[in-house]
Protein backbone atom coordinates (compact mmCIF):
# COMPACT_ATOMS: atom_id res chain seq x y z
CA UNK A 1 47.16 125.64 145.20
CA UNK A 2 50.04 123.33 144.84
CA UNK A 3 53.28 124.73 142.82
CA UNK A 4 52.94 122.44 139.74
CA UNK A 5 49.52 123.06 139.18
CA UNK A 6 50.07 127.00 139.55
CA UNK A 7 53.40 126.96 137.04
CA UNK A 8 51.23 124.43 134.36
CA UNK A 9 48.39 127.14 134.61
CA UNK A 10 50.42 130.02 134.25
CA UNK A 11 52.21 128.50 131.33
CA UNK A 12 48.75 127.97 129.53
CA UNK A 13 48.44 131.84 129.67
CA UNK A 14 52.13 133.44 128.85
CA UNK A 15 55.28 131.03 129.29
CA UNK A 16 56.43 131.34 125.36
CA UNK A 17 57.47 134.86 125.38
CA UNK A 18 58.08 137.64 127.21
CA UNK A 19 58.14 141.48 127.12
CA UNK A 20 61.46 143.16 127.25
CA UNK A 21 61.14 145.98 129.96
CA UNK A 22 62.60 149.35 129.46
CA UNK A 23 65.68 148.61 131.62
CA UNK A 24 66.17 145.26 129.49
CA UNK A 25 65.55 143.00 131.96
CA UNK A 26 62.52 139.99 131.34
CA UNK A 27 60.12 139.25 134.39
CA UNK A 28 59.16 135.82 135.26
CA UNK A 29 55.72 136.13 136.82
CA UNK A 30 54.95 132.39 137.74
CA UNK A 31 54.64 132.99 141.53
CA UNK A 32 56.11 135.69 144.06
CA UNK A 33 58.96 134.01 144.95
CA UNK A 34 61.38 135.78 142.53
CA UNK A 35 64.34 136.28 144.09
CA UNK A 36 67.20 134.41 141.46
CA UNK A 37 68.85 136.32 138.75
CA UNK A 38 71.09 136.29 136.34
CA UNK A 39 73.46 138.90 133.91
CA UNK A 40 75.98 138.10 131.33
CA UNK A 41 76.86 138.33 127.66
CA UNK A 42 77.33 136.75 124.35
CA UNK A 43 80.80 135.99 124.27
CA UNK A 44 82.36 134.94 121.11
CA UNK A 45 84.58 132.03 121.10
CA UNK A 46 87.01 132.90 118.76
CA UNK A 47 88.13 136.81 119.64
CA UNK A 48 86.59 136.92 123.70
CA UNK A 49 84.64 139.96 122.68
CA UNK A 50 80.63 140.59 123.21
CA UNK A 51 78.80 139.82 120.31
CA UNK A 52 76.61 142.28 119.06
CA UNK A 53 72.30 141.90 117.93
CA UNK A 54 69.85 144.11 117.23
CA UNK A 55 66.76 144.01 119.40
CA UNK A 56 65.18 141.26 118.83
CA UNK A 57 67.74 139.83 117.00
CA UNK A 58 68.50 136.95 119.82
CA UNK A 59 67.03 135.59 122.60
CA UNK A 60 68.05 133.71 125.81
CA UNK A 61 66.01 130.60 126.75
CA UNK A 62 65.46 129.06 129.99
CA UNK A 63 63.92 125.78 130.77
CA UNK A 64 62.89 124.54 134.22
CA UNK A 65 64.87 121.61 135.00
CA UNK A 66 62.51 120.70 138.00
CA UNK A 67 59.36 120.04 135.12
CA UNK A 68 61.78 118.34 132.33
CA UNK A 69 60.87 118.45 128.72
CA UNK A 70 57.36 118.71 129.93
CA UNK A 71 58.00 122.63 130.69
CA UNK A 72 58.04 125.00 127.77
CA UNK A 73 61.34 127.08 127.97
CA UNK A 74 61.21 130.76 128.41
CA UNK A 75 62.29 132.85 125.78
CA UNK A 76 63.73 136.24 126.96
CA UNK A 77 64.96 138.96 124.57
CA UNK A 78 68.43 140.06 124.77
CA UNK A 79 70.26 143.77 124.07
CA UNK A 80 71.62 144.91 121.02
CA UNK A 81 75.20 145.09 122.12
CA UNK A 82 75.02 141.56 123.38
CA UNK A 83 74.36 141.64 126.69
CA UNK A 84 71.30 140.23 129.49
CA UNK A 85 70.18 141.03 132.46
CA UNK A 86 67.34 139.56 134.78
CA UNK A 87 66.97 140.34 137.85
CA UNK A 88 62.90 138.67 138.98
CA UNK A 89 63.74 134.99 138.10
CA UNK A 90 62.12 131.76 139.71
CA UNK A 91 64.77 130.09 141.91
CA UNK A 92 65.23 126.93 140.22
CA UNK A 93 68.01 124.73 138.39
CA UNK A 94 67.50 125.49 134.37
CA UNK A 95 69.03 124.86 131.02
CA UNK A 96 70.17 128.01 130.01
CA UNK A 97 70.93 128.11 126.25
CA UNK A 98 71.12 130.45 123.25
CA UNK A 99 68.72 131.42 119.75
CA UNK A 100 70.57 133.77 117.82
CA UNK A 101 73.10 134.50 115.20
CA UNK A 102 75.16 131.53 116.11
CA UNK A 103 76.71 128.92 114.50
CA UNK A 104 78.13 127.37 117.35
CA UNK A 105 77.13 127.77 120.72
CA UNK A 106 77.67 126.19 124.88
CA UNK A 107 74.51 125.39 127.21
CA UNK A 108 74.87 126.06 130.74
CA UNK A 109 73.17 123.89 133.26
CA UNK A 110 73.21 124.84 137.04
CA UNK A 111 71.27 126.63 139.63
CA UNK A 112 69.59 130.79 139.58
CA UNK A 113 68.19 130.20 142.82
CA UNK A 114 69.96 133.54 143.57
CA UNK A 115 71.62 136.68 141.45
CA UNK A 116 74.41 135.03 139.27
CA UNK A 117 76.94 136.22 136.61
CA UNK A 118 76.75 133.51 133.55
CA UNK A 119 78.32 134.04 129.90
CA UNK A 120 77.33 132.15 127.05
CA UNK A 121 80.45 130.80 124.85
CA UNK A 122 78.99 131.27 120.92
CA UNK A 123 80.81 131.26 117.84
CA UNK A 124 78.86 133.32 115.53
CA UNK A 125 78.15 133.04 112.23
CA UNK A 126 80.10 136.11 111.00
CA UNK A 127 82.31 138.31 112.89
CA UNK A 128 82.75 142.03 112.06
CA UNK A 129 84.89 144.59 113.21
CA UNK A 130 85.29 147.75 111.92
CA UNK A 131 88.76 148.65 111.44
CA UNK A 132 88.75 152.38 110.59
CA UNK A 133 86.60 155.41 110.56
CA UNK A 134 87.83 158.85 108.85
CA UNK A 135 86.21 162.12 108.27
CA UNK A 136 86.59 164.17 106.38
CA UNK A 137 85.16 167.50 105.06
CA UNK A 138 82.86 167.46 108.17
CA UNK A 139 80.21 165.45 106.96
CA UNK A 140 81.78 162.45 104.69
CA UNK A 141 82.78 159.18 106.60
CA UNK A 142 85.15 157.04 105.28
CA UNK A 143 84.61 153.09 107.18
CA UNK A 144 86.62 150.20 107.05
CA UNK A 145 85.33 147.53 108.47
CA UNK A 146 86.17 143.50 107.95
CA UNK A 147 83.95 140.31 107.89
CA UNK A 148 84.90 136.84 108.79
CA UNK A 149 82.56 134.11 107.92
CA UNK A 150 82.61 130.89 111.03
CA UNK A 151 80.89 128.91 108.78
CA UNK A 152 83.18 126.96 106.33
CA UNK A 153 80.13 126.05 104.44
CA UNK A 154 78.69 129.01 103.35
CA UNK A 155 78.34 129.32 99.31
CA UNK A 156 77.07 133.31 99.25
CA UNK A 157 76.55 135.93 102.28
CA UNK A 158 75.32 139.14 102.41
CA UNK A 159 77.94 141.89 104.43
CA UNK A 160 77.83 145.89 104.80
CA UNK A 161 76.97 148.87 106.97
CA UNK A 162 73.44 149.64 108.62
CA UNK A 163 73.78 153.37 110.09
CA UNK A 164 71.62 156.37 111.52
CA UNK A 165 70.55 158.69 113.80
CA UNK A 166 69.19 156.31 116.63
CA UNK A 167 71.18 154.63 118.96
CA UNK A 168 72.16 150.19 117.79
CA UNK A 169 70.28 150.65 114.07
CA UNK A 170 70.15 146.87 113.06
CA UNK A 171 68.54 145.93 109.58
CA UNK A 172 64.83 145.83 110.44
CA UNK A 173 64.10 149.17 111.00
CA UNK A 174 66.67 150.34 108.13
CA UNK A 175 65.47 151.62 104.51
CA UNK A 176 67.40 151.39 101.71
CA UNK A 177 70.26 154.59 101.23
CA UNK A 178 67.40 155.60 97.90
CA UNK A 179 64.58 155.49 99.81
CA UNK A 180 63.27 158.91 102.36
CA UNK A 181 61.41 159.11 105.67
CA UNK A 182 63.62 157.16 107.72
CA UNK A 183 65.97 158.02 110.45
CA UNK A 184 68.03 154.35 109.81
CA UNK A 185 69.83 153.51 106.23
CA UNK A 186 71.71 149.92 104.98
CA UNK A 187 73.86 149.73 102.21
CA UNK A 188 74.55 145.99 101.92
CA UNK A 189 76.29 143.93 99.40
CA UNK A 190 74.65 140.52 98.09
CA UNK A 191 76.02 137.24 97.39
CA UNK A 192 79.33 137.53 98.39
CA UNK A 193 80.94 134.11 98.07
CA UNK A 194 84.65 134.77 99.79
CA UNK A 195 84.70 133.79 103.73
CA UNK A 196 86.24 136.62 104.58
CA UNK A 197 87.22 139.98 103.59
CA UNK A 198 87.73 144.07 104.06
CA UNK A 199 85.99 146.93 102.99
CA UNK A 200 85.81 150.45 102.76
CA UNK A 201 82.72 152.43 102.07
CA UNK A 202 82.55 156.02 101.77
CA UNK A 203 79.51 157.27 103.79
CA UNK A 204 77.93 161.16 103.03
CA UNK A 205 75.85 162.65 105.92
CA UNK A 206 74.45 165.72 106.88
CA UNK A 207 76.25 168.05 108.83
CA UNK A 208 76.22 168.80 112.54
CA UNK A 209 74.87 165.65 113.21
CA UNK A 210 75.19 162.43 115.50
CA UNK A 211 75.21 158.58 113.77
CA UNK A 212 75.80 155.68 114.75
CA UNK A 213 77.11 152.55 112.85
CA UNK A 214 77.72 149.07 112.50
CA UNK A 215 79.02 146.50 110.22
CA UNK A 216 76.72 143.54 109.77
CA UNK A 217 76.59 140.24 107.90
CA UNK A 218 74.48 137.03 107.87
CA UNK A 219 75.22 133.38 106.06
CA UNK A 220 72.76 131.88 103.40
CA UNK A 221 71.37 129.79 106.38
CA UNK A 222 71.24 132.05 108.53
CA UNK A 223 67.23 133.03 108.24
CA UNK A 224 66.46 136.62 109.51
CA UNK A 225 69.38 136.55 111.85
CA UNK A 226 72.23 139.10 111.58
CA UNK A 227 75.45 139.89 113.07
CA UNK A 228 76.53 142.78 114.22
CA UNK A 229 79.82 144.32 114.73
CA UNK A 230 80.54 147.00 117.92
CA UNK A 231 78.43 150.42 117.14
CA UNK A 232 80.59 153.56 116.43
CA UNK A 233 79.86 157.19 116.90
CA UNK A 234 79.66 159.23 113.77
CA UNK A 235 79.81 163.42 114.91
CA UNK A 236 80.04 165.59 111.84
CA UNK A 237 80.37 169.06 112.12
CA UNK A 238 79.82 172.33 109.82
CA UNK A 239 80.70 171.13 105.80
CA UNK A 240 84.67 172.26 105.17
CA UNK A 241 85.34 172.36 101.53
CA UNK A 242 88.57 174.65 102.54
CA UNK A 243 89.88 170.91 102.69
CA UNK A 244 88.90 170.57 98.79
CA UNK A 245 92.14 171.75 96.45
CA UNK A 246 90.38 172.29 93.55
CA UNK A 247 92.36 171.00 90.48
CA UNK A 248 91.56 171.07 87.07
CA UNK A 249 92.82 168.25 84.00
CA UNK A 250 92.24 169.99 81.37
CA UNK A 251 90.48 167.25 79.48
CA UNK A 252 90.39 168.53 75.98
CA UNK A 253 91.03 172.05 74.59
CA UNK A 254 91.49 174.03 71.04
CA UNK A 255 91.86 177.61 70.49
CA UNK A 256 89.59 179.31 72.31
CA UNK A 257 88.01 176.88 74.65
CA UNK A 258 88.94 173.81 77.14
CA UNK A 259 86.78 171.03 78.71
CA UNK A 260 87.79 171.04 82.33
CA UNK A 261 87.79 167.48 84.19
CA UNK A 262 87.55 167.41 87.61
CA UNK A 263 87.79 164.43 90.67
CA UNK A 264 85.91 165.34 93.44
CA UNK A 265 84.12 163.65 96.24
CA UNK A 266 80.11 163.21 95.89
CA UNK A 267 79.86 165.89 98.41
CA UNK A 268 80.00 168.41 96.34
CA UNK A 269 76.79 170.07 94.73
CA UNK A 270 78.12 172.35 92.50
CA UNK A 271 81.30 173.85 90.30
CA UNK A 272 81.29 177.48 90.22
CA UNK A 273 82.78 178.88 87.19
CA UNK A 274 83.67 182.88 87.00
CA UNK A 275 86.34 184.23 84.05
CA UNK A 276 86.55 187.04 81.97
CA UNK A 277 86.24 185.93 77.90
CA UNK A 278 88.24 187.71 75.13
CA UNK A 279 85.08 190.34 74.34
CA UNK A 280 85.68 191.25 78.68
CA UNK A 281 82.90 189.90 79.30
CA UNK A 282 82.26 188.62 82.35
CA UNK A 283 81.04 184.43 82.75
CA UNK A 284 79.24 182.49 85.33
CA UNK A 285 78.22 179.47 85.35
CA UNK A 286 77.47 176.35 87.54
CA UNK A 287 78.02 172.54 86.53
CA UNK A 288 77.14 169.45 88.28
CA UNK A 289 79.65 167.24 89.27
CA UNK A 290 78.73 164.95 86.62
CA UNK A 291 78.26 167.63 83.99
CA UNK A 292 80.58 168.47 81.70
CA UNK A 293 82.66 171.56 82.74
CA UNK A 294 83.84 173.74 80.34
CA UNK A 295 85.18 177.29 79.83
CA UNK A 296 84.76 179.12 75.99
CA UNK A 297 85.58 182.31 74.36
CA UNK A 298 89.07 182.71 75.64
CA UNK A 299 92.37 184.44 73.63
CA UNK A 300 94.20 182.46 71.51
CA UNK A 301 97.50 181.16 72.34
CA UNK A 302 96.91 182.40 76.20
CA UNK A 303 97.11 181.08 79.18
CA UNK A 304 93.57 182.69 81.01
CA UNK A 305 93.00 182.84 84.93
CA UNK A 306 90.00 180.17 85.94
CA UNK A 307 88.09 181.30 89.52
CA UNK A 308 86.57 178.02 91.32
CA UNK A 309 84.14 178.07 93.86
CA UNK A 310 82.63 175.05 95.17
CA UNK A 311 79.12 174.64 96.38
CA UNK A 312 77.56 172.19 98.97
CA UNK A 313 74.08 172.30 100.46
CA UNK A 314 74.35 175.60 100.70
CA UNK A 315 77.71 176.68 101.47
CA UNK A 316 80.24 178.03 99.22
CA UNK A 317 84.03 176.86 100.08
CA UNK A 318 86.97 179.19 99.17
CA UNK A 319 87.89 180.85 96.14
CA UNK A 320 90.65 179.38 94.08
CA UNK A 321 92.22 180.15 90.66
CA UNK A 322 93.02 177.57 87.96
CA UNK A 323 94.89 178.60 84.49
CA UNK A 324 93.41 177.50 81.57
CA UNK A 325 96.38 177.21 78.02
CA UNK A 326 94.74 177.42 75.20
CA UNK A 327 96.10 176.90 71.10
CA UNK A 328 97.14 179.02 68.56
CA UNK A 329 95.43 179.12 65.38
CA UNK A 330 98.17 176.82 63.67
CA UNK A 331 97.52 174.19 65.75
CA UNK A 332 96.59 170.81 65.07
CA UNK A 333 92.41 170.77 66.59
CA UNK A 334 92.78 167.47 66.90
CA UNK A 335 97.49 166.05 67.62
CA UNK A 336 98.49 163.46 65.56
CA UNK A 337 98.52 160.65 67.35
CA UNK A 338 97.75 156.38 67.52
CA UNK A 339 94.81 157.06 69.49
CA UNK A 340 91.63 156.69 68.55
CA UNK A 341 89.43 160.05 68.57
CA UNK A 342 87.10 159.12 71.48
CA UNK A 343 90.52 159.97 74.30
CA UNK A 344 92.03 162.74 71.83
CA UNK A 345 90.22 166.09 71.93
CA UNK A 346 87.77 167.83 71.18
CA UNK A 347 85.47 164.68 70.76
CA UNK A 348 83.34 164.10 74.06
CA UNK A 349 81.11 162.61 71.65
CA UNK A 350 81.20 159.84 69.25
CA UNK A 351 78.32 161.24 67.02
CA UNK A 352 79.77 164.27 66.89
CA UNK A 353 83.18 163.20 66.03
CA UNK A 354 81.87 161.24 62.31
CA UNK A 355 79.18 164.75 62.77
CA UNK A 356 82.70 167.14 61.63
CA UNK A 357 84.29 164.55 60.02
CA UNK A 358 81.96 164.24 57.17
CA UNK A 359 81.74 167.81 57.34
CA UNK A 360 85.02 168.37 56.77
CA UNK A 361 85.59 165.42 54.12
CA UNK A 362 83.32 168.01 52.07
CA UNK A 363 85.12 170.61 52.36
CA UNK A 364 88.96 168.85 52.07
CA UNK A 365 87.80 165.71 50.28
CA UNK A 366 87.23 167.54 47.15
CA UNK A 367 91.53 168.57 47.09
CA UNK A 368 92.29 164.34 47.18
CA UNK A 369 89.48 162.73 44.97
CA UNK A 370 85.72 163.53 44.94
CA UNK A 371 84.97 160.04 46.95
CA UNK A 372 86.32 161.07 49.42
CA UNK A 373 83.23 163.82 49.70
CA UNK A 374 80.47 161.58 48.38
CA UNK A 375 80.98 158.02 49.82
CA UNK A 376 79.30 157.26 53.52
CA UNK A 377 83.07 156.92 55.01
CA UNK A 378 83.73 160.01 55.28
CA UNK A 379 81.98 159.85 58.76
CA UNK A 380 84.99 157.55 59.17
CA UNK A 381 87.89 159.99 58.36
CA UNK A 382 88.98 161.03 60.94
CA UNK A 383 90.10 157.77 62.43
CA UNK A 384 91.68 156.36 59.96
CA UNK A 385 93.93 159.65 58.80
CA UNK A 386 95.08 159.40 62.57
CA UNK A 387 95.76 155.71 63.15
CA UNK A 388 96.60 153.59 60.08
CA UNK A 389 96.72 156.02 57.10
CA UNK A 390 100.16 156.72 58.29
CA UNK A 391 101.49 160.05 56.43
CA UNK A 392 98.05 162.23 56.17
CA UNK A 393 97.68 163.81 59.65
CA UNK A 394 98.05 167.12 57.86
CA UNK A 395 95.12 166.03 56.50
CA UNK A 396 93.37 166.83 60.38
CA UNK A 397 91.78 170.45 60.72
CA UNK A 398 93.70 172.80 62.91
CA UNK A 399 92.34 175.15 64.88
CA UNK A 400 91.84 177.66 62.16
CA UNK A 401 89.40 175.39 60.60
CA UNK A 402 87.33 174.97 62.73
CA UNK A 403 87.29 179.07 63.35
CA UNK A 404 85.64 178.88 60.17
CA UNK A 405 82.88 177.22 59.92
CA UNK A 406 80.01 179.44 59.64
CA UNK A 407 77.20 176.46 59.05
CA UNK A 408 77.62 173.29 60.68
CA UNK A 409 75.43 170.18 60.46
CA UNK A 410 75.17 167.03 63.18
CA UNK A 411 73.97 164.14 62.23
CA UNK A 412 73.31 161.01 64.75
CA UNK A 413 72.74 160.13 68.15
CA UNK A 414 74.30 163.37 69.40
CA UNK A 415 74.61 163.08 73.61
CA UNK A 416 76.79 165.85 74.24
CA UNK A 417 77.51 169.47 72.59
CA UNK A 418 80.27 170.55 74.45
CA UNK A 419 82.07 169.86 70.94
CA UNK A 420 80.77 172.59 69.54
CA UNK A 421 82.47 175.30 71.82
CA UNK A 422 85.49 175.68 69.50
CA UNK A 423 82.56 176.58 66.69
CA UNK A 424 83.26 180.30 67.72
CA UNK A 425 81.80 182.22 64.17
CA UNK A 426 79.42 179.62 63.94
CA UNK A 427 75.95 181.03 62.46
CA UNK A 428 74.06 178.56 61.28
CA UNK A 429 73.62 174.89 63.07
CA UNK A 430 72.23 172.73 61.34
CA UNK A 431 70.10 168.91 63.50
CA UNK A 432 69.12 165.66 61.51
CA UNK A 433 68.75 162.13 61.70
CA UNK A 434 71.68 160.11 61.18
CA UNK A 435 73.34 159.05 57.92
CA UNK A 436 76.29 156.51 57.20
CA UNK A 437 77.77 154.76 59.75
CA UNK A 438 74.68 156.25 61.92
CA UNK A 439 71.58 155.84 59.79
CA UNK A 440 68.30 156.57 61.77
CA UNK A 441 70.04 157.87 64.59
CA UNK A 442 68.68 160.87 66.13
CA UNK A 443 69.59 162.98 68.82
CA UNK A 444 69.02 163.02 72.65
CA UNK A 445 65.67 165.17 72.90
CA UNK A 446 67.67 165.73 76.69
CA UNK A 447 71.29 166.98 75.74
CA UNK A 448 72.23 169.98 77.18
CA UNK A 449 71.37 173.17 74.80
CA UNK A 450 72.60 175.72 77.43
CA UNK A 451 75.73 175.10 75.37
CA UNK A 452 74.98 176.99 72.12
CA UNK A 453 74.53 180.12 74.65
CA UNK A 454 78.38 180.12 74.27
CA UNK A 455 78.26 180.82 70.57
CA UNK A 456 78.08 184.30 70.01
CA UNK A 457 77.29 184.52 66.41
CA UNK A 458 74.96 181.75 65.97
CA UNK A 459 71.43 182.37 64.91
CA UNK A 460 69.33 180.21 63.26
CA UNK A 461 68.88 176.59 64.02
CA UNK A 462 67.53 173.73 61.12
CA UNK A 463 65.93 171.03 62.67
CA UNK A 464 65.56 168.16 60.37
CA UNK A 465 62.89 165.32 59.72
CA UNK A 466 62.14 163.16 62.46
CA UNK A 467 64.46 165.15 65.56
CA UNK A 468 62.85 165.32 68.43
CA UNK A 469 63.87 168.86 69.36
CA UNK A 470 61.55 171.64 69.47
CA UNK A 471 61.50 175.01 69.40
CA UNK A 472 60.07 175.41 73.18
CA UNK A 473 63.24 173.16 73.71
CA UNK A 474 65.46 175.69 73.40
CA UNK A 475 62.94 178.45 74.82
CA UNK A 476 63.33 176.77 77.58
CA UNK A 477 66.97 176.39 77.57
CA UNK A 478 67.33 180.52 77.42
CA UNK A 479 67.90 180.33 73.86
CA UNK A 480 64.98 182.57 72.91
CA UNK A 481 66.86 184.69 70.38
CA UNK A 482 67.88 182.02 68.10
CA UNK A 483 65.80 181.56 65.22
CA UNK A 484 64.22 177.56 65.26
CA UNK A 485 63.51 176.31 61.62
CA UNK A 486 62.34 172.88 60.21
């Protein structure tokens, strides 16, 4: 059998794609004479650096010129760092080019009759570079990376990060970060119209682990071909919460309570708050960073020391302290200002604000005029007294007025009950469907009822018609001592 017939027979069996062996080489099995070979890399025409891809993300094509256009090009997979090597090639003269995430590429014509070094100069669709990786708290990585789209005609592109515990992570085997069951994850920004840019992303990783990270991107016309940056290795350690300073801003306060505002990264799972209240009782609460943190039943007009400890993945940080200053009983519960009450103490919930405005108007209104107590407008008085009714700031309640409440009715679409903390002498709480500006609205059935534990004198809760709360909701919140009536 002559060599031409042998070539054609083997071509009919398998010439289009040959599998990648464990060393990253490709094997040309046409004949016993495989004395040719090559190695090289895809080189970025613009930067002079290697162009990374992913496993099966690019291919090297060889066309044996001895047989011209009748031959089928041989395809060889390349390694993800952008290199290729093959020590078993039939010695001949070849046309060599690449198939992958390239906007422009060169073609090589030449002999491969012995082992040959040959790089291919290409222009990637997207040039990506990781500029900086900063590891914080042992497990948090701030990653800054850049991208440059080299095809100026591209109208939108996808740019992001892929990372995991396996080397050379690629998008084909990656899952979205919200999914589980994978060792490789991706975070991709879609439909970007800018041809270049810089991003900083924060990754939250497991402690004492090694992660491999690459930036990635593709243009709208690239199909499933993605470009990658060089691989970066991140080594995490034990969680280090000691480097997280605890600084709380007192968002809102009364004569006995305060809501605390934090600025912690999502690495923190819980915030443990401990203190001694004005009755000498030792209090310990845990809050999720996304929930309201608060302290209650503190002494009037005094600084109280609050102990704070951060918890993350079963690790507790060092105990630190902050101070909380409460108001005096004569201080205005809502200080006069030109800011609407949503941004003034003590309102964290606009529906609660309307409830209290209506309740206060029932008490204070008759001293002004009967219609101030009967009109539905009373649910908005706090807004008006504090803004465009200049000179009426004295009509706003003082902290003492709030502590005088023994019964309170709240109505509307209440989302949080933290605003109830200053009502330390409250005995009866009524929850009804909305009136006035909140007509037909009702409390969120998932509202955190555990706040009511801080009201030591509260004994009765009255639930109005069509309010989506039952005694079981209160029992589940640990409020079994309350009398719940409908």
